[in-house]
């Protein structure tokens, strides 16, 4: 008969063997997750590029145009102007400058944290690009709100519409956010259809 001590030793040895076999799987899984995070961080370069372009263009506008001045790039379609917006994208506002600043700074900081988390977690390239574009736009306007007190808008277009005479004035950050949302909507509607289940 096998002694109880021998059986106990065998069980311990088996457990150690299983643990040893599982350790490479755990190591590989952690390594894969770390690789995904490192690769995803590269997409933050998109955000940095948007922030840089946004801040440079805003600086040039403030340095070269008087408030309310308009440059007619084309006779009607696109004008360059200089306005200060205490509201959200495309001049959306709650009515009070102080309330706008408090709400939009808070929302922008929360959105920035969430977007960085999503960029670190997602595996979809389209989502990575879209989140990075939105992050760049959110931080670009957040910088204005914190250091200037209002967002510099300067692109004024006359898109075909029946609601307004001209589109609200916007900037590079606003454009980045709109492009990202548009990409996600198009992908969801036309390219992300799940195959129907076989009946």
N, C-alpha and C. Protein backbone atom coordinates (compact mmCIF):
# COMPACT_ATOMS: atom_id res chain seq x y z
N UNK A 1 0.84 -1.21 0.00
CA UNK A 1 0.00 0.00 0.00
C UNK A 1 0.87 1.26 0.00
N UNK A 2 0.32 2.31 -0.63
CA UNK A 2 1.05 3.58 -0.67
C UNK A 2 0.72 4.35 0.59
N UNK A 3 1.72 4.78 1.28
CA UNK A 3 1.50 5.49 2.53
C UNK A 3 0.84 6.83 2.29
N UNK A 4 0.18 7.34 3.35
CA UNK A 4 -0.50 8.64 3.27
C UNK A 4 0.49 9.75 2.96
N UNK A 5 1.70 9.61 3.52
CA UNK A 5 2.73 10.63 3.28
C UNK A 5 3.12 10.65 1.81
N UNK A 6 3.21 9.47 1.19
CA UNK A 6 3.57 9.40 -0.23
C UNK A 6 2.48 10.01 -1.10
N UNK A 7 1.22 9.76 -0.72
CA UNK A 7 0.10 10.32 -1.48
C UNK A 7 0.10 11.85 -1.40
N UNK A 8 0.37 12.33 -0.18
CA UNK A 8 0.41 13.79 0.01
C UNK A 8 1.52 14.40 -0.82
N UNK A 9 2.69 13.75 -0.82
CA UNK A 9 3.83 14.24 -1.60
C UNK A 9 3.50 14.25 -3.08
N UNK A 10 2.79 13.21 -3.53
CA UNK A 10 2.42 13.13 -4.95
C UNK A 10 1.47 14.23 -5.34
N UNK A 11 0.49 14.53 -4.45
CA UNK A 11 -0.46 15.60 -4.75
C UNK A 11 0.24 16.95 -4.82
N UNK A 12 1.15 17.19 -3.89
CA UNK A 12 1.89 18.46 -3.89
C UNK A 12 2.71 18.59 -5.15
N UNK A 13 3.38 17.49 -5.53
CA UNK A 13 4.21 17.51 -6.74
C UNK A 13 3.36 17.76 -7.98
N UNK A 14 2.16 17.16 -8.02
CA UNK A 14 1.26 17.37 -9.16
C UNK A 14 0.80 18.80 -9.24
N UNK A 15 0.49 19.36 -8.05
CA UNK A 15 0.06 20.77 -8.02
C UNK A 15 1.15 21.69 -8.49
N UNK A 16 2.39 21.42 -8.09
CA UNK A 16 3.52 22.26 -8.51
C UNK A 16 3.74 22.15 -10.00
N UNK A 17 3.55 20.93 -10.52
CA UNK A 17 3.72 20.74 -11.97
C UNK A 17 2.67 21.52 -12.74
N UNK A 18 1.40 21.48 -12.27
CA UNK A 18 0.33 22.22 -12.95
C UNK A 18 0.57 23.72 -12.87
N UNK A 19 1.06 24.16 -11.72
CA UNK A 19 1.37 25.59 -11.57
C UNK A 19 2.46 26.01 -12.54
N UNK A 20 3.48 25.15 -12.66
CA UNK A 20 4.58 25.45 -13.57
C UNK A 20 4.12 25.49 -15.01
N UNK A 21 3.16 24.60 -15.32
CA UNK A 21 2.63 24.58 -16.69
C UNK A 21 1.79 25.82 -16.97
N UNK A 22 1.08 26.32 -15.94
CA UNK A 22 0.21 27.48 -16.12
C UNK A 22 0.98 28.78 -16.17
N UNK A 23 2.15 28.84 -15.53
CA UNK A 23 2.91 30.09 -15.45
C UNK A 23 3.26 30.66 -16.82
N UNK A 24 3.72 29.84 -17.80
CA UNK A 24 4.00 30.41 -19.12
C UNK A 24 2.78 31.03 -19.77
N UNK A 25 1.57 30.40 -19.55
CA UNK A 25 0.35 30.95 -20.13
C UNK A 25 0.05 32.33 -19.55
N UNK A 26 0.21 32.43 -18.22
CA UNK A 26 -0.04 33.72 -17.56
C UNK A 26 0.97 34.76 -18.04
N UNK A 27 2.22 34.36 -18.15
CA UNK A 27 3.27 35.28 -18.61
C UNK A 27 3.01 35.74 -20.03
N UNK A 28 2.60 34.79 -20.89
CA UNK A 28 2.31 35.14 -22.28
C UNK A 28 1.13 36.09 -22.37
N UNK A 29 0.10 35.84 -21.52
CA UNK A 29 -1.08 36.70 -21.54
C UNK A 29 -0.73 38.12 -21.10
N UNK A 30 0.06 38.23 -20.03
CA UNK A 30 0.47 39.55 -19.55
C UNK A 30 1.34 40.26 -20.58
N UNK A 31 2.21 39.47 -21.23
CA UNK A 31 3.07 40.06 -22.27
C UNK A 31 2.26 40.57 -23.44
N UNK A 32 1.22 39.81 -23.82
CA UNK A 32 0.36 40.24 -24.94
C UNK A 32 -0.38 41.52 -24.59
N UNK A 33 -0.88 41.60 -23.34
CA UNK A 33 -1.59 42.81 -22.92
C UNK A 33 -0.65 44.02 -22.91
N UNK A 34 0.58 43.80 -22.45
CA UNK A 34 1.55 44.90 -22.42
C UNK A 34 1.89 45.36 -23.83
N UNK A 35 1.98 44.39 -24.76
CA UNK A 35 2.28 44.74 -26.16
C UNK A 35 1.15 45.56 -26.77
N UNK A 36 -0.11 45.18 -26.44
CA UNK A 36 -1.27 45.92 -26.94
C UNK A 36 -1.23 47.36 -26.43
N UNK A 37 -0.91 47.52 -25.14
CA UNK A 37 -0.87 48.87 -24.55
C UNK A 37 0.22 49.71 -25.21
N UNK A 38 1.39 49.09 -25.45
CA UNK A 38 2.49 49.83 -26.09
C UNK A 38 2.11 50.24 -27.51
N UNK A 39 1.49 49.33 -28.24
CA UNK A 39 1.08 49.64 -29.61
C UNK A 39 0.00 50.72 -29.63
N UNK A 40 -0.93 50.65 -28.67
CA UNK A 40 -2.00 51.63 -28.61
C UNK A 40 -1.48 53.03 -28.28
N UNK A 41 -0.41 53.09 -27.48
CA UNK A 41 0.15 54.38 -27.12
C UNK A 41 0.64 55.14 -28.34
N UNK A 42 1.02 54.41 -29.40
CA UNK A 42 1.48 55.06 -30.63
C UNK A 42 0.39 55.95 -31.20
N UNK A 43 -0.86 55.53 -31.03
CA UNK A 43 -1.98 56.30 -31.58
C UNK A 43 -2.15 57.65 -30.87
N UNK A 44 -1.56 57.78 -29.69
CA UNK A 44 -1.61 59.07 -29.02
C UNK A 44 -0.85 60.14 -29.79
N UNK A 45 0.03 59.71 -30.72
CA UNK A 45 0.72 60.67 -31.58
C UNK A 45 -0.29 61.42 -32.45
N UNK A 46 -1.40 60.75 -32.80
CA UNK A 46 -2.46 61.43 -33.55
C UNK A 46 -3.03 62.56 -32.70
N UNK A 47 -3.30 62.25 -31.44
CA UNK A 47 -3.84 63.27 -30.53
C UNK A 47 -2.87 64.44 -30.39
N UNK A 48 -1.59 64.12 -30.21
CA UNK A 48 -0.58 65.17 -30.06
C UNK A 48 -0.50 66.03 -31.31
N UNK A 49 -0.59 65.39 -32.48
CA UNK A 49 -0.57 66.15 -33.74
C UNK A 49 -1.76 67.09 -33.86
N UNK A 50 -2.94 66.60 -33.48
CA UNK A 50 -4.15 67.45 -33.53
C UNK A 50 -4.02 68.62 -32.56
N UNK A 51 -3.55 68.34 -31.35
CA UNK A 51 -3.38 69.41 -30.35
C UNK A 51 -2.41 70.46 -30.87
N UNK A 52 -1.29 70.02 -31.44
CA UNK A 52 -0.29 70.97 -31.94
C UNK A 52 -0.85 71.81 -33.08
N UNK A 53 -1.50 71.17 -34.05
CA UNK A 53 -2.08 71.90 -35.19
C UNK A 53 -3.15 72.87 -34.71
N UNK A 54 -3.97 72.41 -33.78
CA UNK A 54 -5.04 73.25 -33.25
C UNK A 54 -4.48 74.49 -32.56
N UNK A 55 -3.50 74.31 -31.69
CA UNK A 55 -2.95 75.44 -30.94
C UNK A 55 -2.15 76.40 -31.83
N UNK A 56 -1.44 75.86 -32.82
CA UNK A 56 -0.67 76.72 -33.73
C UNK A 56 -1.61 77.59 -34.55
N UNK A 57 -2.66 76.98 -35.11
CA UNK A 57 -3.60 77.76 -35.94
C UNK A 57 -4.32 78.81 -35.11
N UNK A 58 -4.68 78.47 -33.89
CA UNK A 58 -5.35 79.45 -33.03
C UNK A 58 -4.42 80.61 -32.68
N UNK A 59 -3.18 80.30 -32.42
CA UNK A 59 -2.20 81.35 -32.11
C UNK A 59 -2.04 82.29 -33.30
N UNK A 60 -1.93 81.72 -34.50
CA UNK A 60 -1.76 82.54 -35.70
C UNK A 60 -2.98 83.44 -35.93
N UNK A 61 -4.17 82.92 -35.65
CA UNK A 61 -5.39 83.73 -35.79
C UNK A 61 -5.38 84.89 -34.80
N UNK A 62 -5.08 84.59 -33.54
CA UNK A 62 -5.07 85.66 -32.52
C UNK A 62 -3.99 86.70 -32.80
N UNK A 63 -2.89 86.26 -33.42
CA UNK A 63 -1.78 87.17 -33.67
C UNK A 63 -1.98 88.04 -34.91
N UNK A 64 -2.82 87.59 -35.84
CA UNK A 64 -2.91 88.28 -37.13
C UNK A 64 -4.28 88.88 -37.45
N UNK A 65 -5.30 88.54 -36.70
CA UNK A 65 -6.63 89.08 -36.97
C UNK A 65 -7.15 89.84 -35.76
N UNK A 66 -7.87 90.89 -36.04
CA UNK A 66 -8.60 91.58 -34.98
C UNK A 66 -9.86 90.78 -34.68
N UNK A 67 -10.35 90.91 -33.45
CA UNK A 67 -11.57 90.20 -33.09
C UNK A 67 -12.72 90.59 -34.01
N UNK A 68 -13.35 89.61 -34.62
CA UNK A 68 -14.47 89.86 -35.53
C UNK A 68 -14.06 90.13 -36.97
N UNK A 69 -12.76 90.28 -37.23
CA UNK A 69 -12.30 90.51 -38.60
C UNK A 69 -12.52 89.26 -39.45
N UNK A 70 -12.76 89.46 -40.74
CA UNK A 70 -13.04 88.34 -41.64
C UNK A 70 -12.12 88.41 -42.85
N UNK A 71 -11.50 87.27 -43.18
CA UNK A 71 -10.76 87.12 -44.43
C UNK A 71 -11.57 86.22 -45.34
N UNK A 72 -11.87 86.70 -46.54
CA UNK A 72 -12.66 85.93 -47.48
C UNK A 72 -11.73 85.06 -48.33
N UNK A 73 -11.55 83.81 -47.92
CA UNK A 73 -10.71 82.89 -48.68
C UNK A 73 -11.35 82.59 -50.02
N UNK A 74 -12.65 82.40 -50.02
CA UNK A 74 -13.46 82.30 -51.25
C UNK A 74 -14.60 83.31 -51.10
N UNK A 75 -15.26 83.66 -52.20
CA UNK A 75 -16.33 84.66 -52.08
C UNK A 75 -17.41 84.31 -51.06
N UNK A 76 -17.75 83.02 -50.95
CA UNK A 76 -18.86 82.67 -50.07
C UNK A 76 -18.61 81.42 -49.23
N UNK A 77 -17.95 80.40 -49.79
CA UNK A 77 -17.92 79.09 -49.13
C UNK A 77 -17.11 79.08 -47.84
N UNK A 78 -15.89 79.58 -47.85
CA UNK A 78 -15.06 79.51 -46.65
C UNK A 78 -14.43 80.86 -46.33
N UNK A 79 -14.65 81.32 -45.12
CA UNK A 79 -14.05 82.55 -44.61
C UNK A 79 -13.23 82.22 -43.37
N UNK A 80 -12.23 83.05 -43.10
CA UNK A 80 -11.45 82.94 -41.87
C UNK A 80 -11.77 84.17 -41.02
N UNK A 81 -12.14 83.94 -39.79
CA UNK A 81 -12.48 85.03 -38.89
C UNK A 81 -11.88 84.76 -37.52
N UNK A 82 -12.16 85.62 -36.56
CA UNK A 82 -11.65 85.43 -35.20
C UNK A 82 -12.77 85.72 -34.22
N UNK A 83 -13.23 84.66 -33.55
CA UNK A 83 -14.24 84.82 -32.51
C UNK A 83 -13.80 84.03 -31.28
N UNK A 84 -14.31 84.43 -30.14
CA UNK A 84 -14.03 83.72 -28.89
C UNK A 84 -15.31 83.06 -28.42
N UNK A 85 -15.23 81.78 -28.19
CA UNK A 85 -16.40 80.99 -27.85
C UNK A 85 -16.28 80.45 -26.43
N UNK A 86 -17.19 80.84 -25.56
CA UNK A 86 -17.18 80.32 -24.19
C UNK A 86 -18.07 79.09 -24.06
N UNK A 87 -18.72 78.70 -25.16
CA UNK A 87 -19.58 77.52 -25.15
C UNK A 87 -18.83 76.29 -25.61
N UNK A 88 -19.58 75.33 -26.15
CA UNK A 88 -18.99 74.08 -26.61
C UNK A 88 -18.72 74.18 -28.11
N UNK A 89 -18.53 73.02 -28.73
CA UNK A 89 -18.24 72.97 -30.16
C UNK A 89 -19.36 73.65 -30.94
N UNK A 90 -18.97 74.37 -31.98
CA UNK A 90 -19.91 75.06 -32.86
C UNK A 90 -20.78 76.05 -32.09
N UNK A 91 -20.18 76.65 -31.03
CA UNK A 91 -20.80 77.76 -30.29
C UNK A 91 -21.99 77.36 -29.42
N UNK A 92 -22.15 76.08 -29.11
CA UNK A 92 -23.21 75.67 -28.18
C UNK A 92 -22.89 76.23 -26.80
N UNK A 93 -23.91 76.79 -26.12
CA UNK A 93 -23.66 77.47 -24.85
C UNK A 93 -24.81 77.26 -23.88
N UNK A 94 -24.48 77.31 -22.56
CA UNK A 94 -25.50 77.28 -21.51
C UNK A 94 -25.97 78.69 -21.13
N UNK A 95 -25.38 79.71 -21.75
CA UNK A 95 -25.83 81.08 -21.52
C UNK A 95 -24.93 81.90 -20.62
N UNK A 96 -24.33 81.30 -19.61
CA UNK A 96 -23.46 82.01 -18.68
C UNK A 96 -22.01 81.63 -18.93
N UNK A 97 -21.13 82.62 -19.08
CA UNK A 97 -19.71 82.34 -19.33
C UNK A 97 -19.08 81.55 -18.19
N UNK A 98 -19.38 81.94 -16.95
CA UNK A 98 -18.82 81.24 -15.80
C UNK A 98 -19.30 79.81 -15.72
N UNK A 99 -20.60 79.61 -15.96
CA UNK A 99 -21.17 78.26 -15.94
C UNK A 99 -20.60 77.42 -17.07
N UNK A 100 -20.48 78.04 -18.24
CA UNK A 100 -19.89 77.34 -19.39
C UNK A 100 -18.49 76.84 -19.06
N UNK A 101 -17.66 77.72 -18.50
CA UNK A 101 -16.27 77.37 -18.20
C UNK A 101 -16.19 76.23 -17.22
N UNK A 102 -16.97 76.30 -16.15
CA UNK A 102 -16.94 75.26 -15.13
C UNK A 102 -17.40 73.92 -15.69
N UNK A 103 -18.51 73.93 -16.39
CA UNK A 103 -19.08 72.67 -16.91
C UNK A 103 -18.18 72.07 -17.97
N UNK A 104 -17.73 72.87 -18.94
CA UNK A 104 -16.99 72.32 -20.06
C UNK A 104 -15.57 71.89 -19.67
N UNK A 105 -14.95 72.57 -18.71
CA UNK A 105 -13.64 72.12 -18.23
C UNK A 105 -13.78 70.78 -17.51
N UNK A 106 -14.80 70.67 -16.66
CA UNK A 106 -15.03 69.42 -15.93
C UNK A 106 -15.31 68.27 -16.88
N UNK A 107 -16.22 68.51 -17.83
CA UNK A 107 -16.58 67.47 -18.80
C UNK A 107 -15.37 67.08 -19.65
N UNK A 108 -14.57 68.06 -20.05
CA UNK A 108 -13.40 67.79 -20.89
C UNK A 108 -12.36 66.94 -20.14
N UNK A 109 -12.16 67.24 -18.86
CA UNK A 109 -11.19 66.46 -18.07
C UNK A 109 -11.67 65.02 -17.91
N UNK A 110 -12.95 64.85 -17.60
CA UNK A 110 -13.51 63.50 -17.47
C UNK A 110 -13.41 62.75 -18.80
N UNK A 111 -13.77 63.44 -19.89
CA UNK A 111 -13.71 62.82 -21.21
C UNK A 111 -12.28 62.41 -21.57
N UNK A 112 -11.31 63.24 -21.21
CA UNK A 112 -9.91 62.93 -21.49
C UNK A 112 -9.47 61.65 -20.79
N UNK A 113 -9.85 61.52 -19.52
CA UNK A 113 -9.49 60.31 -18.76
C UNK A 113 -10.13 59.07 -19.38
N UNK A 114 -11.41 59.19 -19.73
CA UNK A 114 -12.12 58.05 -20.34
C UNK A 114 -11.51 57.68 -21.68
N UNK A 115 -11.18 58.67 -22.49
CA UNK A 115 -10.63 58.40 -23.82
C UNK A 115 -9.26 57.72 -23.74
N UNK A 116 -8.43 58.17 -22.80
CA UNK A 116 -7.12 57.52 -22.63
C UNK A 116 -7.31 56.06 -22.22
N UNK A 117 -8.27 55.81 -21.32
CA UNK A 117 -8.58 54.44 -20.91
C UNK A 117 -9.04 53.60 -22.10
N UNK A 118 -9.94 54.15 -22.91
CA UNK A 118 -10.44 53.42 -24.07
C UNK A 118 -9.33 53.13 -25.08
N UNK A 119 -8.45 54.10 -25.27
CA UNK A 119 -7.33 53.90 -26.20
C UNK A 119 -6.42 52.78 -25.71
N UNK A 120 -6.23 52.67 -24.41
CA UNK A 120 -5.38 51.62 -23.86
C UNK A 120 -6.03 50.25 -23.96
N UNK A 121 -7.36 50.19 -23.97
CA UNK A 121 -8.06 48.91 -23.91
C UNK A 121 -8.50 48.37 -25.26
N UNK A 122 -8.88 49.22 -26.19
CA UNK A 122 -9.48 48.75 -27.43
C UNK A 122 -8.47 48.07 -28.35
N UNK A 123 -8.97 47.16 -29.18
CA UNK A 123 -8.13 46.47 -30.15
C UNK A 123 -8.50 46.86 -31.58
N UNK A 124 -9.56 47.62 -31.75
CA UNK A 124 -10.02 48.03 -33.08
C UNK A 124 -9.22 49.23 -33.57
N UNK A 125 -8.66 49.12 -34.76
CA UNK A 125 -7.86 50.22 -35.31
C UNK A 125 -8.73 51.46 -35.56
N UNK A 126 -9.94 51.25 -36.06
CA UNK A 126 -10.83 52.39 -36.30
C UNK A 126 -11.15 53.11 -35.00
N UNK A 127 -11.44 52.34 -33.95
CA UNK A 127 -11.73 52.96 -32.66
C UNK A 127 -10.51 53.69 -32.12
N UNK A 128 -9.33 53.11 -32.29
CA UNK A 128 -8.11 53.77 -31.85
C UNK A 128 -7.93 55.12 -32.53
N UNK A 129 -8.14 55.15 -33.85
CA UNK A 129 -8.00 56.40 -34.60
C UNK A 129 -9.07 57.39 -34.15
N UNK A 130 -10.31 56.92 -34.03
CA UNK A 130 -11.42 57.81 -33.66
C UNK A 130 -11.23 58.38 -32.25
N UNK A 131 -10.90 57.52 -31.30
CA UNK A 131 -10.70 57.99 -29.93
C UNK A 131 -9.53 58.97 -29.86
N UNK A 132 -8.49 58.72 -30.65
CA UNK A 132 -7.33 59.61 -30.64
C UNK A 132 -7.69 60.97 -31.23
N UNK A 133 -8.50 60.98 -32.28
CA UNK A 133 -8.96 62.25 -32.87
C UNK A 133 -9.83 63.03 -31.87
N UNK A 134 -10.73 62.32 -31.20
CA UNK A 134 -11.59 62.99 -30.22
C UNK A 134 -10.76 63.52 -29.05
N UNK A 135 -9.80 62.72 -28.60
CA UNK A 135 -8.94 63.15 -27.50
C UNK A 135 -8.16 64.41 -27.88
N UNK A 136 -7.60 64.43 -29.08
CA UNK A 136 -6.87 65.62 -29.52
C UNK A 136 -7.74 66.85 -29.56
N UNK A 137 -8.98 66.68 -30.07
CA UNK A 137 -9.91 67.81 -30.11
C UNK A 137 -10.33 68.27 -28.73
N UNK A 138 -10.60 67.33 -27.85
CA UNK A 138 -11.04 67.69 -26.49
C UNK A 138 -9.94 68.43 -25.74
N UNK A 139 -8.71 67.93 -25.83
CA UNK A 139 -7.59 68.58 -25.12
C UNK A 139 -7.26 69.93 -25.75
N UNK A 140 -7.35 70.02 -27.08
CA UNK A 140 -7.08 71.30 -27.75
C UNK A 140 -7.98 72.41 -27.24
N UNK A 141 -9.27 72.13 -27.14
CA UNK A 141 -10.20 73.14 -26.63
C UNK A 141 -10.07 73.32 -25.13
N UNK A 142 -9.71 72.25 -24.41
CA UNK A 142 -9.52 72.36 -22.97
C UNK A 142 -8.38 73.32 -22.63
N UNK A 143 -7.32 73.27 -23.40
CA UNK A 143 -6.19 74.19 -23.18
C UNK A 143 -6.65 75.63 -23.29
N UNK A 144 -7.48 75.93 -24.28
CA UNK A 144 -8.01 77.29 -24.44
C UNK A 144 -8.83 77.70 -23.22
N UNK A 145 -9.69 76.82 -22.78
CA UNK A 145 -10.59 77.17 -21.67
C UNK A 145 -9.80 77.44 -20.39
N UNK A 146 -8.76 76.65 -20.15
CA UNK A 146 -8.00 76.81 -18.91
C UNK A 146 -7.13 78.06 -18.94
N UNK A 147 -6.43 78.30 -20.07
CA UNK A 147 -5.43 79.36 -20.10
C UNK A 147 -5.93 80.68 -20.70
N UNK A 148 -7.00 80.62 -21.48
CA UNK A 148 -7.51 81.84 -22.10
C UNK A 148 -8.89 82.21 -21.56
N UNK A 149 -9.65 81.19 -21.19
CA UNK A 149 -11.00 81.44 -20.68
C UNK A 149 -12.07 81.27 -21.71
N UNK A 150 -11.67 81.12 -22.97
CA UNK A 150 -12.62 80.89 -24.06
C UNK A 150 -11.88 80.17 -25.18
N UNK A 151 -12.65 79.56 -26.08
CA UNK A 151 -12.07 78.82 -27.20
C UNK A 151 -12.00 79.72 -28.42
N UNK A 152 -10.84 79.72 -29.08
CA UNK A 152 -10.67 80.50 -30.31
C UNK A 152 -11.24 79.71 -31.49
N UNK A 153 -12.24 80.27 -32.15
CA UNK A 153 -12.81 79.69 -33.37
C UNK A 153 -12.50 80.60 -34.54
N UNK A 154 -12.32 80.01 -35.74
CA UNK A 154 -11.92 80.86 -36.86
C UNK A 154 -12.35 80.36 -38.23
N UNK A 155 -12.81 79.14 -38.36
CA UNK A 155 -13.23 78.62 -39.68
C UNK A 155 -14.73 78.84 -39.83
N UNK A 156 -15.11 79.55 -40.88
CA UNK A 156 -16.52 79.90 -41.07
C UNK A 156 -16.94 79.47 -42.47
N UNK A 157 -17.75 78.43 -42.53
CA UNK A 157 -18.12 77.86 -43.83
C UNK A 157 -19.61 78.05 -44.11
N UNK A 158 -19.94 78.01 -45.39
CA UNK A 158 -21.33 78.13 -45.84
C UNK A 158 -21.74 76.82 -46.48
N UNK A 159 -21.97 75.80 -45.63
CA UNK A 159 -22.43 74.52 -46.14
C UNK A 159 -23.89 74.64 -46.59
N UNK A 160 -24.28 73.88 -47.60
CA UNK A 160 -25.68 73.93 -48.03
C UNK A 160 -26.61 73.48 -46.91
N UNK A 161 -27.53 74.32 -46.53
CA UNK A 161 -28.51 73.97 -45.51
C UNK A 161 -29.69 74.91 -45.62
N UNK A 162 -30.75 74.57 -44.93
CA UNK A 162 -31.96 75.39 -44.96
C UNK A 162 -32.28 75.96 -43.58
N UNK A 163 -31.43 75.66 -42.59
CA UNK A 163 -31.72 76.08 -41.22
C UNK A 163 -31.03 77.39 -40.87
N UNK A 164 -29.79 77.57 -41.32
CA UNK A 164 -29.02 78.74 -40.92
C UNK A 164 -28.34 79.37 -42.14
N UNK A 165 -28.02 80.65 -42.04
CA UNK A 165 -27.39 81.35 -43.16
C UNK A 165 -25.98 80.84 -43.39
N UNK A 166 -25.21 80.71 -42.33
CA UNK A 166 -23.87 80.13 -42.41
C UNK A 166 -23.67 79.18 -41.24
N UNK A 167 -22.78 78.21 -41.40
CA UNK A 167 -22.47 77.26 -40.34
C UNK A 167 -21.79 77.99 -39.19
N UNK A 168 -22.01 77.55 -37.92
CA UNK A 168 -21.30 78.18 -36.79
C UNK A 168 -19.78 78.10 -36.97
N UNK A 169 -19.08 79.11 -36.48
CA UNK A 169 -17.62 79.16 -36.60
C UNK A 169 -17.01 78.04 -35.75
N UNK A 170 -15.99 77.37 -36.29
CA UNK A 170 -15.37 76.26 -35.58
C UNK A 170 -13.86 76.31 -35.73
N UNK A 171 -13.17 75.28 -35.25
CA UNK A 171 -11.71 75.26 -35.29
C UNK A 171 -11.22 73.84 -35.61
N UNK A 172 -9.92 73.64 -35.57
CA UNK A 172 -9.34 72.33 -35.89
C UNK A 172 -9.78 71.27 -34.89
N UNK A 173 -9.85 71.62 -33.62
CA UNK A 173 -10.27 70.66 -32.59
C UNK A 173 -11.69 70.19 -32.84
N UNK A 174 -12.60 71.12 -33.12
CA UNK A 174 -13.98 70.75 -33.44
C UNK A 174 -14.02 69.81 -34.64
N UNK A 175 -13.26 70.14 -35.68
CA UNK A 175 -13.24 69.33 -36.90
C UNK A 175 -12.77 67.92 -36.61
N UNK A 176 -11.75 67.79 -35.76
CA UNK A 176 -11.21 66.48 -35.41
C UNK A 176 -12.27 65.62 -34.74
N UNK A 177 -13.03 66.20 -33.83
CA UNK A 177 -14.08 65.47 -33.14
C UNK A 177 -15.17 65.03 -34.11
N UNK A 178 -15.58 65.93 -35.00
CA UNK A 178 -16.63 65.61 -35.97
C UNK A 178 -16.18 64.52 -36.94
N UNK A 179 -14.94 64.59 -37.40
CA UNK A 179 -14.41 63.56 -38.30
C UNK A 179 -14.43 62.20 -37.61
N UNK A 180 -14.01 62.15 -36.35
CA UNK A 180 -13.98 60.89 -35.61
C UNK A 180 -15.38 60.30 -35.46
N UNK A 181 -16.33 61.13 -35.07
CA UNK A 181 -17.71 60.64 -34.90
C UNK A 181 -18.29 60.17 -36.23
N UNK A 182 -17.99 60.91 -37.29
CA UNK A 182 -18.48 60.53 -38.62
C UNK A 182 -17.90 59.18 -39.05
N UNK A 183 -16.61 58.97 -38.80
CA UNK A 183 -15.98 57.69 -39.14
C UNK A 183 -16.64 56.54 -38.40
N UNK A 184 -16.92 56.73 -37.13
CA UNK A 184 -17.53 55.66 -36.33
C UNK A 184 -18.95 55.37 -36.78
N UNK A 185 -19.69 56.42 -37.14
CA UNK A 185 -21.07 56.22 -37.61
C UNK A 185 -21.07 55.46 -38.94
N UNK A 186 -20.21 55.89 -39.87
CA UNK A 186 -20.14 55.23 -41.18
C UNK A 186 -19.74 53.76 -41.02
N UNK A 187 -18.75 53.50 -40.19
CA UNK A 187 -18.29 52.13 -39.99
C UNK A 187 -19.40 51.28 -39.38
N UNK A 188 -20.10 51.83 -38.39
CA UNK A 188 -21.17 51.08 -37.72
C UNK A 188 -22.31 50.77 -38.68
N UNK A 189 -22.66 51.72 -39.54
CA UNK A 189 -23.81 51.55 -40.43
C UNK A 189 -23.50 50.65 -41.63
N UNK A 190 -22.28 50.75 -42.16
CA UNK A 190 -22.00 50.10 -43.44
C UNK A 190 -20.95 48.98 -43.40
N UNK A 191 -20.09 48.96 -42.39
CA UNK A 191 -18.98 48.00 -42.42
C UNK A 191 -18.91 47.09 -41.20
N UNK A 192 -19.82 47.22 -40.28
CA UNK A 192 -19.74 46.44 -39.04
C UNK A 192 -20.98 45.56 -38.86
N UNK A 193 -21.51 45.06 -39.96
CA UNK A 193 -22.70 44.23 -39.90
C UNK A 193 -22.32 42.81 -39.56
N UNK A 194 -22.95 42.28 -38.52
CA UNK A 194 -22.69 40.92 -38.07
C UNK A 194 -23.36 39.94 -39.04
N UNK A 195 -22.69 38.84 -39.39
CA UNK A 195 -23.33 37.86 -40.27
C UNK A 195 -24.53 37.24 -39.61
N UNK A 196 -25.60 37.06 -40.37
CA UNK A 196 -26.84 36.50 -39.81
C UNK A 196 -26.61 35.04 -39.45
N UNK A 197 -27.27 34.59 -38.37
CA UNK A 197 -27.12 33.23 -37.91
C UNK A 197 -27.84 32.27 -38.83
N UNK A 198 -27.22 31.12 -39.07
CA UNK A 198 -27.86 30.10 -39.90
C UNK A 198 -29.05 29.51 -39.16
N UNK A 199 -30.14 29.43 -39.88
CA UNK A 199 -31.34 28.88 -39.24
C UNK A 199 -31.38 27.38 -39.48
